[in-house]
Amino acid sequence: MNQTPDPAAGPGTGRAVGVALAIVAGFAAALQSRVNGTLATETGTAFGTAALSFGSGLVLLTLALPFSRAGRSALAQVGAGLRRGGSSGGLRWWECLGGLGGAFYVMSQGLTVDALGVAVFTIALVAGQSVSSLVIDRLGLAPGGVRLVTVGRALGPVLTVVAVVVVSGAGAATAALGLALFPLVAGVLQSFQQALNGRVRAAVRPAGGGRDGGVLAATFVSFLVGTAALLVVFGVSLAVDGAPTGSLPPDLLLYSGGLLGIVFIALQAAVVQRIGVLLLGLGMIAGQVVGALVLDVVSPAVAPPGAATYAGAALTLVAVAVPLLEGALRRHR
């Protein structure tokens, strides 16, 4: 891998746009959490809800492929890259396993959010994602190469964790923290998912100067792997625990989790090479916090956010801005 001394390679405007898209991805993830959490309660199965969410996304992507020549070409290149393996321009099999991170994330929501609460769940998720994203960028596992750990890049994750603690209040002291291992691991796996999906996307080259179908290919591979894993887990749960006790609700919006997953996974794959895993993770965290704030404001069934929630959301945006400003200052020296 080529070492990139600049904390975030590429033009400043392109990097800012990449972070903005990461924030949009985080908002979609927050909305998906609300949708999938409600659906899991209605159906009585976290495993079935996760499989349904990923599976519906896979169906939508499969339906889109016939209309995207670039996407089909990119998938063919992914297959060819896997056959070449670790040779020049090839893909190792483990580089296509990013979907396992998303699968575990969706599954851990249904398993632990009711017991932990959303605040503690998010604290553990942020802790795992922030630390692991620094490590992944430093090791160069993302397609953009090595990104050095600087004061600004280290301060961003710290401020993000502080922001989530501010939003959560005292909830962390009373929760069953043993379950927090699930979102902690989910945060670590999300960082790996972002890096691996970015590798799949980077392995694809537009044919004949045409459109780049790498994002569609990376997203499809992620959903394919995640759906396969979740179907196995759901099958095991049916064999052990029997059929779910709930039923499928009539509200069609509760089945939009797959579409929302396509949005934020595709955006991750599109921008990770330019901004790195750390800035991608911070941007998504900012989008999740602000998204949760907006959803609470517009939802009539939820109590209005307090001052601590607004302060935490503002601090999260500051956390995302710190590494960006540091990179701008370093370039102008």
Protein backbone atom coordinates (compact mmCIF):
# COMPACT_ATOMS: atom_id res chain seq x y z
CA MET A 1 0.00 0.00 0.00
CA ASN A 2 1.17 3.54 -0.68
CA GLN A 3 1.53 5.72 2.39
CA THR A 4 -0.50 8.92 2.36
CA PRO A 5 1.05 11.51 4.71
CA ASP A 6 -1.90 13.85 4.34
CA PRO A 7 -4.63 12.72 6.78
CA ALA A 8 -7.21 12.79 4.06
CA ALA A 9 -6.06 12.62 0.51
CA GLY A 10 -7.77 14.44 -2.34
CA PRO A 11 -9.10 17.96 -2.95
CA GLY A 12 -10.66 19.73 0.01
CA THR A 13 -14.00 20.20 -1.73
CA GLY A 14 -14.22 16.53 -2.67
CA ARG A 15 -13.40 15.53 0.89
CA ALA A 16 -16.08 17.85 2.31
CA VAL A 17 -18.64 16.40 -0.11
CA GLY A 18 -17.57 12.90 0.95
CA VAL A 19 -18.12 13.72 4.63
CA ALA A 20 -21.51 15.27 3.80
CA LEU A 21 -22.52 12.05 2.03
CA ALA A 22 -21.31 10.09 5.07
CA ILE A 23 -23.64 12.19 7.24
CA VAL A 24 -26.53 11.37 4.88
CA ALA A 25 -25.59 7.70 5.20
CA GLY A 26 -25.71 8.01 8.99
CA PHE A 27 -29.16 9.58 8.81
CA ALA A 28 -30.35 6.64 6.71
CA ALA A 29 -28.83 4.26 9.27
CA ALA A 30 -30.69 6.02 12.10
CA LEU A 31 -33.96 5.75 10.21
CA GLN A 32 -33.27 2.08 9.50
CA SER A 33 -32.67 1.47 13.22
CA ARG A 34 -36.07 2.95 14.04
CA VAL A 35 -37.79 0.92 11.32
CA ASN A 36 -36.09 -2.39 12.10
CA GLY A 37 -36.49 -1.93 15.84
CA THR A 38 -40.25 -1.47 15.48
CA LEU A 39 -40.51 -4.38 13.05
CA ALA A 40 -38.60 -6.69 15.41
CA THR A 41 -41.03 -5.82 18.20
CA GLU A 42 -44.03 -6.50 15.98
CA THR A 43 -42.75 -9.83 14.61
CA GLY A 44 -41.16 -11.07 17.81
CA THR A 45 -37.89 -12.10 16.11
CA ALA A 46 -34.70 -10.07 15.81
CA PHE A 47 -33.15 -12.72 13.55
CA GLY A 48 -36.12 -12.81 11.18
CA THR A 49 -36.27 -9.01 11.02
CA ALA A 50 -32.58 -8.78 10.19
CA ALA A 51 -32.91 -11.45 7.48
CA LEU A 52 -35.99 -9.71 6.06
CA SER A 53 -34.22 -6.33 6.01
CA PHE A 54 -31.12 -7.63 4.22
CA GLY A 55 -33.11 -9.96 2.00
CA SER A 56 -35.43 -7.22 0.75
CA GLY A 57 -32.40 -5.08 -0.06
CA LEU A 58 -30.87 -7.96 -2.02
CA VAL A 59 -34.10 -8.38 -3.99
CA LEU A 60 -34.15 -4.67 -4.89
CA LEU A 61 -30.53 -4.77 -6.01
CA THR A 62 -31.18 -7.90 -8.09
CA LEU A 63 -34.08 -6.16 -9.80
CA ALA A 64 -31.88 -3.13 -10.52
CA LEU A 65 -29.03 -5.09 -12.12
CA PRO A 66 -30.76 -5.72 -15.51
CA PHE A 67 -31.05 -1.93 -15.93
CA SER A 68 -27.38 -1.21 -15.16
CA ARG A 69 -24.86 -2.37 -17.73
CA ALA A 70 -22.07 -0.84 -15.65
CA GLY A 71 -23.26 -2.75 -12.59
CA ARG A 72 -23.29 -6.08 -14.43
CA SER A 73 -19.83 -5.37 -15.84
CA ALA A 74 -18.58 -4.49 -12.36
CA LEU A 75 -19.96 -7.71 -10.87
CA ALA A 76 -18.23 -9.68 -13.63
CA GLN A 77 -14.98 -7.90 -12.71
CA VAL A 78 -15.50 -8.83 -9.05
CA GLY A 79 -15.89 -12.47 -10.07
CA ALA A 80 -12.76 -12.29 -12.23
CA GLY A 81 -10.88 -10.64 -9.39
CA LEU A 82 -11.84 -13.43 -7.02
CA ARG A 83 -10.57 -16.01 -9.48
CA ARG A 84 -7.22 -14.19 -9.67
CA GLY A 85 -7.04 -14.07 -5.88
CA GLY A 86 -4.12 -12.18 -4.40
CA SER A 87 -2.44 -11.50 -7.75
CA SER A 88 -2.24 -8.05 -9.30
CA GLY A 89 -5.70 -6.51 -9.57
CA GLY A 90 -7.30 -9.51 -7.87
CA LEU A 91 -9.56 -9.85 -4.84
CA ARG A 92 -8.99 -12.12 -1.87
CA TRP A 93 -12.09 -13.98 -0.70
CA TRP A 94 -12.07 -12.27 2.69
CA GLU A 95 -12.27 -8.85 1.04
CA CYS A 96 -15.86 -9.71 0.01
CA LEU A 97 -17.07 -10.42 3.55
CA GLY A 98 -17.98 -6.85 4.49
CA GLY A 99 -21.66 -7.78 4.56
CA LEU A 100 -21.07 -9.81 7.73
CA GLY A 101 -20.46 -6.55 9.59
CA GLY A 102 -23.77 -5.09 8.47
CA ALA A 103 -25.56 -8.34 9.26
CA PHE A 104 -24.20 -8.39 12.80
CA TYR A 105 -25.09 -4.72 13.29
CA VAL A 106 -28.73 -5.18 12.27
CA MET A 107 -29.00 -8.37 14.33
CA SER A 108 -27.46 -6.81 17.44
CA GLN A 109 -30.08 -4.04 17.40
CA GLY A 110 -32.93 -6.49 17.80
CA LEU A 111 -31.04 -8.51 20.41
CA THR A 112 -29.92 -5.74 22.76
CA VAL A 113 -31.63 -2.37 22.23
CA ASP A 114 -34.64 -3.22 24.42
CA ALA A 115 -32.38 -4.23 27.33
CA LEU A 116 -29.65 -1.61 26.92
CA GLY A 117 -31.62 1.31 25.57
CA VAL A 118 -30.64 3.23 22.47
CA ALA A 119 -28.22 5.49 24.36
CA VAL A 120 -25.99 2.76 25.78
CA PHE A 121 -26.23 0.80 22.53
CA THR A 122 -24.93 3.85 20.66
CA ILE A 123 -22.14 4.49 23.20
CA ALA A 124 -20.82 0.96 22.76
CA LEU A 125 -21.21 1.14 18.96
CA VAL A 126 -19.35 4.46 18.78
CA ALA A 127 -16.56 3.19 21.03
CA GLY A 128 -15.95 0.16 18.83
CA GLN A 129 -16.25 2.08 15.57
CA SER A 130 -14.11 5.07 16.54
CA VAL A 131 -11.15 3.10 17.84
CA SER A 132 -11.22 0.46 15.11
CA SER A 133 -11.48 3.07 12.34
CA LEU A 134 -8.25 4.68 13.54
CA VAL A 135 -6.52 1.30 13.49
CA ILE A 136 -7.87 0.40 10.04
CA ASP A 137 -6.77 3.72 8.56
CA ARG A 138 -3.33 3.40 10.15
CA LEU A 139 -2.86 -0.14 8.81
CA GLY A 140 -4.08 0.87 5.35
CA LEU A 141 -6.85 -1.73 5.13
CA ALA A 142 -9.12 0.73 3.30
CA PRO A 143 -8.44 1.26 -0.43
CA GLY A 144 -7.11 4.79 0.07
CA GLY A 145 -3.91 3.49 1.69
CA VAL A 146 -2.30 4.36 5.03
CA ARG A 147 -3.59 7.45 6.83
CA LEU A 148 -1.44 8.56 9.76
CA VAL A 149 -2.87 9.12 13.25
CA THR A 150 -2.66 12.82 14.05
CA VAL A 151 -3.92 14.87 16.99
CA GLY A 152 -7.01 15.98 15.09
CA ARG A 153 -7.83 12.48 13.86
CA ALA A 154 -7.46 11.10 17.40
CA LEU A 155 -9.46 13.94 18.95
CA GLY A 156 -12.45 13.40 16.63
CA PRO A 157 -13.35 9.94 18.03
CA VAL A 158 -12.86 11.18 21.62
CA LEU A 159 -15.25 14.09 21.08
CA THR A 160 -17.76 11.77 19.42
CA VAL A 161 -17.79 9.43 22.41
CA VAL A 162 -18.19 12.42 24.75
CA ALA A 163 -21.11 13.67 22.62
CA VAL A 164 -22.92 10.35 22.83
CA VAL A 165 -22.35 10.24 26.62
CA VAL A 166 -23.86 13.73 26.88
CA VAL A 167 -26.91 12.58 24.91
CA SER A 168 -27.28 9.39 26.96
CA GLY A 169 -27.21 10.99 30.38
CA ALA A 170 -27.03 8.49 33.22
CA GLY A 171 -28.44 5.54 31.28
CA ALA A 172 -25.07 3.80 31.06
CA ALA A 173 -24.89 3.33 34.83
CA THR A 174 -28.05 1.26 35.12
CA ALA A 175 -28.02 -0.91 31.99
CA ALA A 176 -27.05 -4.56 31.76
CA LEU A 177 -23.63 -3.70 30.37
CA GLY A 178 -22.71 -7.30 29.58
CA LEU A 179 -24.95 -7.05 26.53
CA ALA A 180 -22.99 -4.00 25.40
CA LEU A 181 -20.40 -6.38 23.95
CA PHE A 182 -22.79 -6.93 21.02
CA PRO A 183 -22.88 -3.29 19.81
CA LEU A 184 -19.20 -2.89 20.71
CA VAL A 185 -18.29 -5.73 18.34
CA ALA A 186 -20.84 -4.39 15.83
CA GLY A 187 -19.01 -1.04 15.81
CA VAL A 188 -15.68 -2.76 15.15
CA LEU A 189 -17.21 -4.86 12.36
CA GLN A 190 -18.84 -1.79 10.79
CA SER A 191 -15.42 -0.22 10.31
CA PHE A 192 -14.17 -3.40 8.65
CA GLN A 193 -17.32 -3.48 6.51
CA GLN A 194 -16.64 0.03 5.25
CA ALA A 195 -13.03 -0.81 4.45
CA LEU A 196 -13.79 -4.13 2.73
CA ASN A 197 -16.69 -2.75 0.68
CA GLY A 198 -14.36 0.03 -0.40
CA ARG A 199 -11.81 -2.56 -1.52
CA VAL A 200 -14.42 -4.33 -3.64
CA ARG A 201 -15.43 -1.04 -5.22
CA ALA A 202 -11.80 -0.06 -5.86
CA ALA A 203 -11.14 -3.38 -7.64
CA VAL A 204 -13.60 -2.39 -10.39
CA ARG A 205 -12.61 -0.19 -13.30
CA PRO A 206 -15.12 1.44 -15.69
CA ALA A 207 -15.08 -0.37 -19.02
CA GLY A 208 -14.20 1.84 -22.00
CA GLY A 209 -14.45 5.04 -19.99
CA GLY A 210 -18.11 4.41 -19.21
CA ARG A 211 -19.95 4.67 -15.92
CA ASP A 212 -18.47 3.20 -12.78
CA GLY A 213 -20.60 0.30 -11.53
CA GLY A 214 -18.29 -0.41 -8.59
CA VAL A 215 -20.66 1.02 -5.98
CA LEU A 216 -23.53 -1.19 -7.16
CA ALA A 217 -21.24 -4.23 -7.28
CA ALA A 218 -19.85 -3.61 -3.79
CA THR A 219 -23.32 -3.04 -2.37
CA PHE A 220 -24.69 -6.18 -4.05
CA VAL A 221 -21.84 -8.33 -2.72
CA SER A 222 -22.35 -6.89 0.78
CA PHE A 223 -26.08 -7.67 0.73
CA LEU A 224 -25.53 -11.13 -0.76
CA VAL A 225 -23.08 -12.14 1.96
CA GLY A 226 -25.10 -10.56 4.76
CA THR A 227 -28.38 -12.12 3.63
CA ALA A 228 -26.83 -15.58 3.34
CA ALA A 229 -25.40 -15.34 6.85
CA LEU A 230 -28.66 -14.06 8.37
CA LEU A 231 -30.75 -16.74 6.67
CA VAL A 232 -28.51 -19.39 8.27
CA VAL A 233 -28.84 -17.73 11.68
CA PHE A 234 -32.61 -17.39 11.30
CA GLY A 235 -32.88 -21.04 10.29
CA VAL A 236 -30.96 -22.11 13.38
CA SER A 237 -33.20 -19.92 15.58
CA LEU A 238 -36.29 -21.54 14.10
CA ALA A 239 -34.88 -25.01 14.80
CA VAL A 240 -34.00 -24.11 18.39
CA ASP A 241 -36.79 -21.74 19.46
CA GLY A 242 -39.59 -22.52 17.03
CA ALA A 243 -41.69 -20.08 15.02
CA PRO A 244 -41.87 -16.40 16.08
CA THR A 245 -44.79 -15.39 18.28
CA GLY A 246 -45.52 -12.09 16.51
CA SER A 247 -47.01 -11.31 13.12
CA LEU A 248 -46.14 -9.21 10.08
CA PRO A 249 -47.58 -5.68 10.53
CA PRO A 250 -49.59 -4.03 7.70
CA ASP A 251 -47.56 -0.78 7.74
CA LEU A 252 -45.45 -0.92 4.56
CA LEU A 253 -42.99 1.67 5.86
CA LEU A 254 -41.74 -0.90 8.36
CA TYR A 255 -40.35 -2.93 5.45
CA SER A 256 -38.14 -0.11 4.15
CA GLY A 257 -35.10 -1.27 6.12
CA GLY A 258 -33.58 -2.97 3.08
CA LEU A 259 -33.89 0.15 0.91
CA LEU A 260 -32.38 2.31 3.65
CA GLY A 261 -29.56 -0.20 3.99
CA ILE A 262 -28.83 0.09 0.27
CA VAL A 263 -28.57 3.87 0.65
CA PHE A 264 -26.02 3.92 3.45
CA ILE A 265 -23.96 0.94 2.31
CA ALA A 266 -23.73 2.35 -1.23
CA LEU A 267 -22.70 5.76 0.11
CA GLN A 268 -20.04 4.13 2.29
CA ALA A 269 -18.58 2.26 -0.67
CA ALA A 270 -18.65 5.42 -2.79
CA VAL A 271 -16.72 7.72 -0.44
CA VAL A 272 -14.45 5.55 1.75
CA GLN A 273 -11.56 5.64 -0.73
CA ARG A 274 -11.51 9.45 -0.73
CA ILE A 275 -12.06 10.25 2.96
CA GLY A 276 -10.89 7.10 4.77
CA VAL A 277 -12.63 4.93 7.35
CA LEU A 278 -12.17 7.38 10.22
CA LEU A 279 -13.88 10.37 8.57
CA LEU A 280 -16.51 8.07 7.11
CA GLY A 281 -17.24 6.68 10.57
CA LEU A 282 -17.34 10.14 12.19
CA GLY A 283 -19.63 11.46 9.47
CA MET A 284 -21.98 8.52 9.86
CA ILE A 285 -22.03 8.94 13.63
CA ALA A 286 -22.91 12.63 13.18
CA GLY A 287 -25.71 11.65 10.81
CA GLN A 288 -27.00 9.04 13.23
CA VAL A 289 -27.06 11.45 16.17
CA VAL A 290 -28.63 14.31 14.22
CA GLY A 291 -30.99 11.86 12.49
CA ALA A 292 -32.15 10.46 15.81
CA LEU A 293 -32.70 14.03 17.02
CA VAL A 294 -34.82 14.92 13.98
CA LEU A 295 -36.80 11.69 14.22
CA ASP A 296 -37.56 12.40 17.87
CA VAL A 297 -38.68 15.94 17.04
CA VAL A 298 -41.08 14.88 14.28
CA SER A 299 -42.40 11.74 15.98
CA PRO A 300 -45.53 12.42 18.04
CA ALA A 301 -45.00 9.26 20.11
CA VAL A 302 -41.58 10.36 21.47
CA ALA A 303 -40.85 12.96 24.15
CA PRO A 304 -39.25 16.15 22.77
CA PRO A 305 -35.43 16.19 22.97
CA GLY A 306 -33.87 18.02 25.91
CA ALA A 307 -30.98 20.47 26.04
CA ALA A 308 -28.42 17.66 26.55
CA THR A 309 -29.53 16.02 23.32
CA TYR A 310 -29.09 19.21 21.33
CA ALA A 311 -25.69 19.82 22.96
CA GLY A 312 -24.57 16.29 22.14
CA ALA A 313 -25.63 16.64 18.52
CA ALA A 314 -23.69 19.91 18.20
CA LEU A 315 -20.61 18.36 19.79
CA THR A 316 -20.77 15.46 17.35
CA LEU A 317 -20.67 17.86 14.41
CA VAL A 318 -17.65 19.55 16.00
CA ALA A 319 -15.99 16.13 16.29
CA VAL A 320 -16.42 15.60 12.54
CA ALA A 321 -15.13 19.09 11.75
CA VAL A 322 -11.90 18.76 13.79
CA PRO A 323 -10.07 16.30 11.48
CA LEU A 324 -11.32 18.21 8.42
CA LEU A 325 -9.99 21.53 9.73
CA GLU A 326 -6.69 19.94 10.72
CA GLY A 327 -6.28 18.55 7.21
CA ALA A 328 -7.02 21.98 5.70
CA LEU A 329 -4.43 23.66 7.94
CA ARG A 330 -1.79 21.05 7.10
CA ARG A 331 -2.32 21.58 3.36
CA HIS A 332 -1.96 25.36 3.63
CA ARG A 333 1.29 25.28 5.60
